[in-house]
Each structure stands twice: as C-alpha cells, then as structure tokens.
Amino acid sequence: MPNIPIIEFDRVSKVYQSGGGPIAALHEVSLHIAAGEFIALIGPSGCGKSTLMRLIGDLEQPTAGTVRVKAKTPDQARRDRDYGIVFQAPVLYEWRTICKNVELPLELMGHPRQQRHARAMELLRLVGLGDFGEAYPHQLSGGMQQRASIARALSFAPSILLMDEPFGALDEITRERLQLELLSIWAESAPRPTVIFVTHSIPEAVFLADRVVVMSPRPGRVQRIIEVDLPRPRAFETRESPRFFTLLTEVRECLRAMEV
C-alpha cells in the first residue's frame, strides 16, 4: 500500500449535546489512512464508527482535534468533490431510471448530457447492471439497488468512497456476493479509491479490508488496528482459508476483551 496519507485524524474528539447532557461519541482518535487503502471500521454499537466516517464527509464537525482530507479541511474536500458516499439504504429516486439516478451527481455538476449518460452506462456495466439502465428502482432487488447506489457514488471518480454499512440490510448470500463485486469494482476503478467501510460484521471486515480498525465502546477510541494479510484478489475460497479464521478470531477476541 502507498504510504501517502489521504485522511488524517489528530486527537479528534466529538461530543454531542442532548437534553440529558453531553454525550462523548469519540475521544482523542488519531488515525492515518493511506491513498488507495481499504479500511474497515468495526466496534460495538454506539462506538462512533459512523461518526468517524461522517467527520470525513463533513456531515459532522469535531469538538476537538483536527481532521484532514487530502491535506484539506473536510469542508474543502466536500466542495472539491473528493468523496462519494454509500449509505445502508440505496436512496434512489423512484421517478428516475437507474441510469438517470447514476447520472445525477454529474448532472448537478453541469456535465453535458451525452457525457454523463456514457459515464453512467460504463459504471452500470461495471456493477453488472448494464441491461437495467432504463429500469426504475422498484423493478430491482435490494442488492441491485445497492449496486446502482455504488455506481452513482463512483460516477464522478472520487478519490475516497465512504460506505456506512451498505450491505447491512441484505441477506447473507446477497451480502457475500456484493462483497466480491465491491472488491472487483474497487480493483478495476482507475485510480483506485480509498474506501472507509463501516460494518458490524467481523467476517465482512476481514474479507474486505487491508486493515481493520477496532473501536472501543463509547467514547470511541482506536483500540487496535489489525493488518489483514490475506492475498488479493480475494474469492469465496478466501473465507475457507486457515488464515481467514485466524484473523476472525483475532478481531473477535479484541472485541470481547473490551466487554470484560
């Protein structure tokens, strides 16, 4: 992996104000993420995984500390369209075709119609939806809708892809298939984006990531970073390898140790 940091957290804390008093979501998180890296964030519910991702995307602001994205503030990175976001729900517009949904960011950026259509169809073919450009969201399965959402996030070739439990609502078989497809899309994208992937699933984190960042219970801190040395490209057989199970156990024991 390249050593150039594309995302930097320096002693970042986040406190929310509520009717019951302040709630510390993150406490002095320091983390460097390299360009082109695939990072999985995992930890117990409420540990600040999504908050960490939202700070990168300028959807939240830190209470203390500094977040830098491509050596800029998250606000400037957002203005420069340095990242795309995929949420747990696909959030497709029902009145637009799948192709038009994927085109939307390019349309808002003022790209010519022919150019944005060609780009949308290129990405739909990449995610296996080349024959569904004229379909509407309700005509697609949940997994297909999520693939369309990923294509939309990649439409303007962002250098960073933020993914907040994008497969969490899918059945296990569909989820495993989309994990493979995501890795294929990531590998084939030029340039390869940096991916920040929030998940509750230990197998998913280990299967996808270069590094698994294990978060502590609230207030969230980086408890441990586990290097995933599984060879790429990964396949269904990867999940049956002894090393995969060793890494699963390592992540699971780290999470269990925090419950004591």
C-alpha atoms as a PDB file:
ATOM      1  CA  MET A   1       0.000   0.000   0.000  1.00  0.00           C
ATOM      2  CA  PRO A   2       1.144   3.574  -0.651  1.00  0.00           C
ATOM      3  CA  ASN A   3       2.419   5.462   2.398  1.00  0.00           C
ATOM      4  CA  ILE A   4       0.890   8.817   1.444  1.00  0.00           C
ATOM      5  CA  PRO A   5      -1.833   9.686   3.998  1.00  0.00           C
ATOM      6  CA  ILE A   6      -5.039  10.784   2.316  1.00  0.00           C
ATOM      7  CA  ILE A   7      -7.037  11.021   5.578  1.00  0.00           C
ATOM      8  CA  GLU A   8      -5.598  12.123   8.922  1.00  0.00           C
ATOM      9  CA  PHE A   9      -7.225  12.252  12.358  1.00  0.00           C
ATOM     10  CA  ASP A  10      -5.184  14.037  15.017  1.00  0.00           C
ATOM     11  CA  ARG A  11      -6.557  13.635  18.573  1.00  0.00           C
ATOM     12  CA  VAL A  12     -10.137  14.057  17.363  1.00  0.00           C
ATOM     13  CA  SER A  13     -12.994  14.137  19.870  1.00  0.00           C
ATOM     14  CA  LYS A  14     -16.713  14.548  19.256  1.00  0.00           C
ATOM     15  CA  VAL A  15     -19.275  15.467  21.892  1.00  0.00           C
ATOM     16  CA  TYR A  16     -22.998  15.685  21.175  1.00  0.00           C
ATOM     17  CA  GLN A  17     -25.273  17.891  23.249  1.00  0.00           C
ATOM     18  CA  SER A  18     -28.573  16.323  24.317  1.00  0.00           C
ATOM     19  CA  GLY A  19     -31.353  17.011  26.781  1.00  0.00           C
ATOM     20  CA  GLY A  20     -29.723  14.615  29.222  1.00  0.00           C
ATOM     21  CA  GLY A  21     -26.338  16.318  28.983  1.00  0.00           C
ATOM     22  CA  PRO A  22     -23.267  15.943  26.783  1.00  0.00           C
ATOM     23  CA  ILE A  23     -22.579  12.582  25.104  1.00  0.00           C
ATOM     24  CA  ALA A  24     -18.965  11.843  24.192  1.00  0.00           C
ATOM     25  CA  ALA A  25     -19.007   9.871  20.932  1.00  0.00           C
ATOM     26  CA  LEU A  26     -15.261   9.940  20.164  1.00  0.00           C
ATOM     27  CA  HIS A  27     -12.250  10.644  22.367  1.00  0.00           C
ATOM     28  CA  GLU A  28      -8.833  11.677  21.017  1.00  0.00           C
ATOM     29  CA  VAL A  29      -8.855   9.478  17.927  1.00  0.00           C
ATOM     30  CA  SER A  30      -5.623   9.541  15.910  1.00  0.00           C
ATOM     31  CA  LEU A  31      -5.555   7.621  12.648  1.00  0.00           C
ATOM     32  CA  HIS A  32      -3.760   7.882   9.292  1.00  0.00           C
ATOM     33  CA  ILE A  33      -5.229   6.254   6.181  1.00  0.00           C
ATOM     34  CA  ALA A  34      -3.156   5.822   3.028  1.00  0.00           C
ATOM     35  CA  ALA A  35      -4.277   6.563  -0.523  1.00  0.00           C
ATOM     36  CA  GLY A  36      -5.857   3.522  -2.176  1.00  0.00           C
ATOM     37  CA  GLU A  37      -6.311   1.671   1.119  1.00  0.00           C
ATOM     38  CA  PHE A  38      -9.430  -0.304   2.087  1.00  0.00           C
ATOM     39  CA  ILE A  39     -10.209   0.341   5.764  1.00  0.00           C
ATOM     40  CA  ALA A  40     -12.955  -1.388   7.773  1.00  0.00           C
ATOM     41  CA  LEU A  41     -14.246   0.243  10.964  1.00  0.00           C
ATOM     42  CA  ILE A  42     -15.773  -2.166  13.479  1.00  0.00           C
ATOM     43  CA  GLY A  43     -16.839  -1.980  17.099  1.00  0.00           C
ATOM     44  CA  PRO A  44     -19.855  -2.215  19.431  1.00  0.00           C
ATOM     45  CA  SER A  45     -22.992  -0.205  18.709  1.00  0.00           C
ATOM     46  CA  GLY A  46     -22.595   3.442  19.642  1.00  0.00           C
ATOM     47  CA  CYS A  47     -18.781   3.392  19.499  1.00  0.00           C
ATOM     48  CA  GLY A  48     -18.579   6.222  16.955  1.00  0.00           C
ATOM     49  CA  LYS A  49     -17.852   4.291  13.729  1.00  0.00           C
ATOM     50  CA  SER A  50     -20.400   6.221  11.691  1.00  0.00           C
ATOM     51  CA  THR A  51     -19.452   9.465  13.438  1.00  0.00           C
ATOM     52  CA  LEU A  52     -15.852   8.950  12.347  1.00  0.00           C
ATOM     53  CA  MET A  53     -16.988   8.484   8.760  1.00  0.00           C
ATOM     54  CA  ARG A  54     -19.326  11.476   8.934  1.00  0.00           C
ATOM     55  CA  LEU A  55     -16.447  13.665  10.131  1.00  0.00           C
ATOM     56  CA  ILE A  56     -14.521  12.741   6.981  1.00  0.00           C
ATOM     57  CA  GLY A  57     -17.561  13.628   4.859  1.00  0.00           C
ATOM     58  CA  ASP A  58     -18.132  16.987   6.582  1.00  0.00           C
ATOM     59  CA  LEU A  59     -21.527  15.772   7.799  1.00  0.00           C
ATOM     60  CA  GLU A  60     -20.330  16.423  11.365  1.00  0.00           C
ATOM     61  CA  GLN A  61     -17.639  18.697  12.810  1.00  0.00           C
ATOM     62  CA  PRO A  62     -15.178  17.656  15.532  1.00  0.00           C
ATOM     63  CA  THR A  63     -15.438  19.130  19.016  1.00  0.00           C
ATOM     64  CA  ALA A  64     -11.653  18.973  19.375  1.00  0.00           C
ATOM     65  CA  GLY A  65      -8.715  17.865  17.273  1.00  0.00           C
ATOM     66  CA  THR A  66      -8.121  18.037  13.521  1.00  0.00           C
ATOM     67  CA  VAL A  67      -9.397  16.086  10.529  1.00  0.00           C
ATOM     68  CA  ARG A  68      -7.558  16.484   7.214  1.00  0.00           C
ATOM     69  CA  VAL A  69      -8.730  15.024   3.914  1.00  0.00           C
ATOM     70  CA  LYS A  70      -6.165  15.207   1.099  1.00  0.00           C
ATOM     71  CA  ALA A  71      -4.345  17.816   3.215  1.00  0.00           C
ATOM     72  CA  LYS A  72      -7.521  19.952   3.293  1.00  0.00           C
ATOM     73  CA  THR A  73     -10.376  20.539   5.680  1.00  0.00           C
ATOM     74  CA  PRO A  74     -13.343  18.172   5.208  1.00  0.00           C
ATOM     75  CA  ASP A  75     -15.380  21.208   4.133  1.00  0.00           C
ATOM     76  CA  GLN A  76     -12.956  21.970   1.304  1.00  0.00           C
ATOM     77  CA  ALA A  77     -12.756  18.284   0.353  1.00  0.00           C
ATOM     78  CA  ARG A  78     -16.561  18.234   0.097  1.00  0.00           C
ATOM     79  CA  ARG A  79     -16.533  21.334  -2.091  1.00  0.00           C
ATOM     80  CA  ASP A  80     -13.857  19.718  -4.258  1.00  0.00           C
ATOM     81  CA  ARG A  81     -15.997  16.544  -4.517  1.00  0.00           C
ATOM     82  CA  ASP A  82     -13.199  14.329  -3.237  1.00  0.00           C
ATOM     83  CA  TYR A  83     -15.523  11.607  -1.949  1.00  0.00           C
ATOM     84  CA  GLY A  84     -18.667   9.656  -2.707  1.00  0.00           C
ATOM     85  CA  ILE A  85     -20.983   8.235  -0.024  1.00  0.00           C
ATOM     86  CA  VAL A  86     -22.976   4.981   0.066  1.00  0.00           C
ATOM     87  CA  PHE A  87     -25.427   4.520   2.945  1.00  0.00           C
ATOM     88  CA  GLN A  88     -27.202   1.402   4.214  1.00  0.00           C
ATOM     89  CA  ALA A  89     -30.299   2.286   2.168  1.00  0.00           C
ATOM     90  CA  PRO A  90     -29.718   2.888  -1.566  1.00  0.00           C
ATOM     91  CA  VAL A  91     -31.657   6.231  -1.526  1.00  0.00           C
ATOM     92  CA  LEU A  92     -32.532   6.106  -5.223  1.00  0.00           C
ATOM     93  CA  TYR A  93     -35.138   8.473  -6.685  1.00  0.00           C
ATOM     94  CA  GLU A  94     -38.143   6.354  -7.644  1.00  0.00           C
ATOM     95  CA  TRP A  95     -39.182   8.668 -10.514  1.00  0.00           C
ATOM     96  CA  ARG A  96     -35.787   8.455 -12.228  1.00  0.00           C
ATOM     97  CA  THR A  97     -34.499   5.472 -14.187  1.00  0.00           C
ATOM     98  CA  ILE A  98     -31.452   3.658 -12.826  1.00  0.00           C
ATOM     99  CA  CYS A  99     -29.279   5.340 -15.452  1.00  0.00           C
ATOM    100  CA  LYS A 100     -30.680   8.770 -14.535  1.00  0.00           C
ATOM    101  CA  ASN A 101     -30.041   8.057 -10.846  1.00  0.00           C
ATOM    102  CA  VAL A 102     -26.395   7.271 -11.573  1.00  0.00           C
ATOM    103  CA  GLU A 103     -26.123  10.376 -13.758  1.00  0.00           C
ATOM    104  CA  LEU A 104     -27.462  12.679 -11.044  1.00  0.00           C
ATOM    105  CA  PRO A 105     -24.154  13.857  -9.500  1.00  0.00           C
ATOM    106  CA  LEU A 106     -22.778  14.602 -12.969  1.00  0.00           C
ATOM    107  CA  GLU A 107     -25.986  16.431 -13.868  1.00  0.00           C
ATOM    108  CA  LEU A 108     -25.658  18.617 -10.761  1.00  0.00           C
ATOM    109  CA  MET A 109     -22.022  19.286 -11.689  1.00  0.00           C
ATOM    110  CA  GLY A 110     -23.084  20.520 -15.132  1.00  0.00           C
ATOM    111  CA  HIS A 111     -21.621  17.752 -17.291  1.00  0.00           C
ATOM    112  CA  PRO A 112     -23.056  17.517 -20.830  1.00  0.00           C
ATOM    113  CA  ARG A 113     -25.925  15.051 -21.258  1.00  0.00           C
ATOM    114  CA  GLN A 114     -24.138  12.714 -23.652  1.00  0.00           C
ATOM    115  CA  GLN A 115     -21.022  12.591 -21.449  1.00  0.00           C
ATOM    116  CA  ARG A 116     -22.888  11.816 -18.244  1.00  0.00           C
ATOM    117  CA  HIS A 117     -25.024   9.151 -19.959  1.00  0.00           C
ATOM    118  CA  ALA A 118     -21.913   7.421 -21.314  1.00  0.00           C
ATOM    119  CA  ARG A 119     -20.276   7.516 -17.872  1.00  0.00           C
ATOM    120  CA  ALA A 120     -23.409   6.166 -16.158  1.00  0.00           C
ATOM    121  CA  MET A 121     -23.698   3.264 -18.593  1.00  0.00           C
ATOM    122  CA  GLU A 122     -19.982   2.486 -18.195  1.00  0.00           C
ATOM    123  CA  LEU A 123     -20.443   2.206 -14.419  1.00  0.00           C
ATOM    124  CA  LEU A 124     -23.676   0.226 -14.684  1.00  0.00           C
ATOM    125  CA  ARG A 125     -21.844  -2.314 -16.822  1.00  0.00           C
ATOM    126  CA  LEU A 126     -19.059  -2.394 -14.230  1.00  0.00           C
ATOM    127  CA  VAL A 127     -21.529  -3.239 -11.434  1.00  0.00           C
ATOM    128  CA  GLY A 128     -23.378  -5.793 -13.576  1.00  0.00           C
ATOM    129  CA  LEU A 129     -26.431  -3.639 -14.333  1.00  0.00           C
ATOM    130  CA  GLY A 130     -25.731  -2.777 -17.955  1.00  0.00           C
ATOM    131  CA  ASP A 131     -29.113  -4.159 -19.041  1.00  0.00           C
ATOM    132  CA  PHE A 132     -31.075  -2.236 -16.394  1.00  0.00           C
ATOM    133  CA  GLY A 133     -30.335   1.392 -17.228  1.00  0.00           C
ATOM    134  CA  GLU A 134     -33.934   2.099 -18.262  1.00  0.00           C
ATOM    135  CA  ALA A 135     -35.489   0.233 -15.327  1.00  0.00           C
ATOM    136  CA  TYR A 136     -36.855   2.033 -12.272  1.00  0.00           C
ATOM    137  CA  PRO A 137     -35.708   1.343  -8.693  1.00  0.00           C
ATOM    138  CA  HIS A 138     -38.879  -0.565  -7.714  1.00  0.00           C
ATOM    139  CA  GLN A 139     -38.160  -3.038 -10.520  1.00  0.00           C
ATOM    140  CA  LEU A 140     -34.808  -4.030  -8.989  1.00  0.00           C
ATOM    141  CA  SER A 141     -33.957  -6.210  -5.990  1.00  0.00           C
ATOM    142  CA  GLY A 142     -32.374  -4.672  -2.897  1.00  0.00           C
ATOM    143  CA  GLY A 143     -28.934  -5.929  -3.911  1.00  0.00           C
ATOM    144  CA  MET A 144     -29.292  -4.491  -7.406  1.00  0.00           C
ATOM    145  CA  GLN A 145     -30.398  -1.150  -5.998  1.00  0.00           C
ATOM    146  CA  GLN A 146     -27.332  -1.070  -3.769  1.00  0.00           C
ATOM    147  CA  ARG A 147     -25.094  -1.759  -6.766  1.00  0.00           C
ATOM    148  CA  ALA A 148     -26.733   1.181  -8.535  1.00  0.00           C
ATOM    149  CA  SER A 149     -26.043   3.307  -5.445  1.00  0.00           C
ATOM    150  CA  ILE A 150     -22.352   2.322  -5.577  1.00  0.00           C
ATOM    151  CA  ALA A 151     -22.242   3.196  -9.286  1.00  0.00           C
ATOM    152  CA  ARG A 152     -23.720   6.619  -8.519  1.00  0.00           C
ATOM    153  CA  ALA A 153     -21.145   7.253  -5.801  1.00  0.00           C
ATOM    154  CA  LEU A 154     -18.366   6.415  -8.276  1.00  0.00           C
ATOM    155  CA  SER A 155     -19.832   8.460 -11.150  1.00  0.00           C
ATOM    156  CA  PHE A 156     -17.511  11.444 -10.695  1.00  0.00           C
ATOM    157  CA  ALA A 157     -14.450   9.282  -9.913  1.00  0.00           C
ATOM    158  CA  PRO A 158     -13.991  10.335  -6.261  1.00  0.00           C
ATOM    159  CA  SER A 159     -10.660   9.537  -4.648  1.00  0.00           C
ATOM    160  CA  ILE A 160     -12.452   8.469  -1.424  1.00  0.00           C
ATOM    161  CA  LEU A 161     -15.504   6.229  -1.024  1.00  0.00           C
ATOM    162  CA  LEU A 162     -17.354   6.351   2.310  1.00  0.00           C
ATOM    163  CA  MET A 163     -19.579   3.321   2.952  1.00  0.00           C
ATOM    164  CA  ASP A 164     -21.807   3.177   6.044  1.00  0.00           C
ATOM    165  CA  GLU A 165     -22.981  -0.442   6.440  1.00  0.00           C
ATOM    166  CA  PRO A 166     -24.037  -0.632   2.776  1.00  0.00           C
ATOM    167  CA  PHE A 167     -24.848  -4.362   2.927  1.00  0.00           C
ATOM    168  CA  GLY A 168     -26.292  -4.459   6.436  1.00  0.00           C
ATOM    169  CA  ALA A 169     -29.929  -4.879   5.340  1.00  0.00           C
ATOM    170  CA  LEU A 170     -29.243  -7.676   2.826  1.00  0.00           C
ATOM    171  CA  ASP A 171     -29.497 -11.438   3.269  1.00  0.00           C
ATOM    172  CA  GLU A 172     -26.229 -13.314   3.829  1.00  0.00           C
ATOM    173  CA  ILE A 173     -25.946 -14.821   0.327  1.00  0.00           C
ATOM    174  CA  THR A 174     -26.547 -11.477  -1.414  1.00  0.00           C
ATOM    175  CA  ARG A 175     -24.215  -9.786   1.042  1.00  0.00           C
ATOM    176  CA  GLU A 176     -21.323 -12.165   0.303  1.00  0.00           C
ATOM    177  CA  ARG A 177     -21.841 -11.791  -3.451  1.00  0.00           C
ATOM    178  CA  LEU A 178     -21.844  -7.989  -3.228  1.00  0.00           C
ATOM    179  CA  GLN A 179     -18.685  -8.040  -1.122  1.00  0.00           C
ATOM    180  CA  LEU A 180     -16.933  -9.801  -4.002  1.00  0.00           C
ATOM    181  CA  GLU A 181     -18.427  -7.402  -6.523  1.00  0.00           C
ATOM    182  CA  LEU A 182     -17.342  -4.401  -4.447  1.00  0.00           C
ATOM    183  CA  LEU A 183     -13.753  -5.660  -4.358  1.00  0.00           C
ATOM    184  CA  SER A 184     -13.862  -6.168  -8.124  1.00  0.00           C
ATOM    185  CA  ILE A 185     -15.221  -2.641  -8.694  1.00  0.00           C
ATOM    186  CA  TRP A 186     -12.610  -1.203  -6.335  1.00  0.00           C
ATOM    187  CA  ALA A 187      -9.768  -3.046  -8.083  1.00  0.00           C
ATOM    188  CA  GLU A 188     -10.954  -2.046 -11.551  1.00  0.00           C
ATOM    189  CA  SER A 189     -11.511   1.639 -10.763  1.00  0.00           C
ATOM    190  CA  ALA A 190      -8.776   3.921 -12.025  1.00  0.00           C
ATOM    191  CA  PRO A 191      -7.441   5.429  -9.902  1.00  0.00           C
ATOM    192  CA  ARG A 192      -8.358   3.025  -7.109  1.00  0.00           C
ATOM    193  CA  PRO A 193     -10.308   4.946  -4.441  1.00  0.00           C
ATOM    194  CA  THR A 194      -9.584   4.874  -0.727  1.00  0.00           C
ATOM    195  CA  VAL A 195     -12.511   3.073   0.957  1.00  0.00           C
ATOM    196  CA  ILE A 196     -13.756   3.651   4.518  1.00  0.00           C
ATOM    197  CA  PHE A 197     -16.232   0.857   5.261  1.00  0.00           C
ATOM    198  CA  VAL A 198     -18.338   0.803   8.448  1.00  0.00           C
ATOM    199  CA  THR A 199     -19.632  -2.631   9.473  1.00  0.00           C
ATOM    200  CA  HIS A 200     -20.830  -4.701  12.432  1.00  0.00           C
ATOM    201  CA  SER A 201     -19.776  -7.938  10.728  1.00  0.00           C
ATOM    202  CA  ILE A 202     -16.391  -9.412  11.648  1.00  0.00           C
ATOM    203  CA  PRO A 203     -16.238 -11.729   8.586  1.00  0.00           C
ATOM    204  CA  GLU A 204     -17.134  -8.825   6.300  1.00  0.00           C
ATOM    205  CA  ALA A 205     -14.443  -6.582   7.800  1.00  0.00           C
ATOM    206  CA  VAL A 206     -11.737  -9.241   7.480  1.00  0.00           C
ATOM    207  CA  PHE A 207     -12.758 -10.315   3.980  1.00  0.00           C
ATOM    208  CA  LEU A 208     -12.770  -6.793   2.535  1.00  0.00           C
ATOM    209  CA  ALA A 209     -10.119  -4.768   4.298  1.00  0.00           C
ATOM    210  CA  ASP A 210      -6.397  -4.114   4.198  1.00  0.00           C
ATOM    211  CA  ARG A 211      -6.673  -3.026   7.836  1.00  0.00           C
ATOM    212  CA  VAL A 212      -9.436  -3.476  10.393  1.00  0.00           C
ATOM    213  CA  VAL A 213      -9.741  -0.576  12.841  1.00  0.00           C
ATOM    214  CA  VAL A 214     -11.309  -1.880  16.061  1.00  0.00           C
ATOM    215  CA  MET A 215     -13.137   0.829  18.024  1.00  0.00           C
ATOM    216  CA  SER A 216     -13.708   0.812  21.784  1.00  0.00           C
ATOM    217  CA  PRO A 217     -17.132   1.292  23.431  1.00  0.00           C
ATOM    218  CA  ARG A 218     -18.286   4.913  23.765  1.00  0.00           C
ATOM    219  CA  PRO A 219     -16.489   7.214  23.886  1.00  0.00           C
ATOM    220  CA  GLY A 220     -14.945   5.652  20.790  1.00  0.00           C
ATOM    221  CA  ARG A 221     -11.181   5.308  20.579  1.00  0.00           C
ATOM    222  CA  VAL A 222      -8.960   3.308  18.272  1.00  0.00           C
ATOM    223  CA  GLN A 223      -8.497   0.202  20.385  1.00  0.00           C
ATOM    224  CA  ARG A 224      -6.375  -1.685  17.878  1.00  0.00           C
ATOM    225  CA  ILE A 225      -5.516  -1.815  14.178  1.00  0.00           C
ATOM    226  CA  ILE A 226      -5.264  -5.309  12.703  1.00  0.00           C
ATOM    227  CA  GLU A 227      -3.378  -5.798   9.439  1.00  0.00           C
ATOM    228  CA  VAL A 228      -5.164  -8.184   7.078  1.00  0.00           C
ATOM    229  CA  ASP A 229      -2.513 -10.039   5.106  1.00  0.00           C
ATOM    230  CA  LEU A 230      -4.884 -12.178   3.026  1.00  0.00           C
ATOM    231  CA  PRO A 231      -3.751 -12.217  -0.614  1.00  0.00           C
ATOM    232  CA  ARG A 232      -5.684 -10.323  -3.279  1.00  0.00           C
ATOM    233  CA  PRO A 233      -7.748 -10.807  -5.336  1.00  0.00           C
ATOM    234  CA  ARG A 234      -9.986 -12.433  -2.752  1.00  0.00           C
ATOM    235  CA  ALA A 235     -12.539 -15.105  -3.606  1.00  0.00           C
ATOM    236  CA  PHE A 236     -15.133 -17.319  -1.930  1.00  0.00           C
ATOM    237  CA  GLU A 237     -12.275 -19.696  -1.108  1.00  0.00           C
ATOM    238  CA  THR A 238     -10.617 -16.934   0.935  1.00  0.00           C
ATOM    239  CA  ARG A 239     -13.327 -17.389   3.575  1.00  0.00           C
ATOM    240  CA  GLU A 240     -12.322 -21.039   3.986  1.00  0.00           C
ATOM    241  CA  SER A 241      -8.594 -20.446   4.473  1.00  0.00           C
ATOM    242  CA  PRO A 242      -6.932 -21.056   7.868  1.00  0.00           C
ATOM    243  CA  ARG A 243      -5.527 -17.508   7.878  1.00  0.00           C
ATOM    244  CA  PHE A 244      -9.032 -16.049   7.428  1.00  0.00           C
ATOM    245  CA  PHE A 245     -10.238 -17.895  10.535  1.00  0.00           C
ATOM    246  CA  THR A 246      -7.141 -16.816  12.471  1.00  0.00           C
ATOM    247  CA  LEU A 247      -7.869 -13.172  11.667  1.00  0.00           C
ATOM    248  CA  LEU A 248     -11.553 -13.603  12.552  1.00  0.00           C
ATOM    249  CA  THR A 249     -10.518 -14.904  15.954  1.00  0.00           C
ATOM    250  CA  GLU A 250      -8.080 -12.029  16.428  1.00  0.00           C
ATOM    251  CA  VAL A 251     -10.743  -9.393  15.757  1.00  0.00           C
ATOM    252  CA  ARG A 252     -13.366 -11.237  17.808  1.00  0.00           C
ATOM    253  CA  GLU A 253     -11.076 -11.606  20.830  1.00  0.00           C
ATOM    254  CA  CYS A 254     -10.185  -7.920  20.652  1.00  0.00           C
ATOM    255  CA  LEU A 255     -13.880  -7.009  20.760  1.00  0.00           C
ATOM    256  CA  ARG A 256     -14.615  -9.496  23.553  1.00  0.00           C
ATOM    257  CA  ALA A 257     -11.748  -8.192  25.676  1.00  0.00           C
ATOM    258  CA  MET A 258     -13.457  -4.804  25.799  1.00  0.00           C
ATOM    259  CA  GLU A 259     -16.631  -6.338  27.249  1.00  0.00           C
ATOM    260  CA  VAL A 260     -14.829  -7.500  30.385  1.00  0.00           C
END
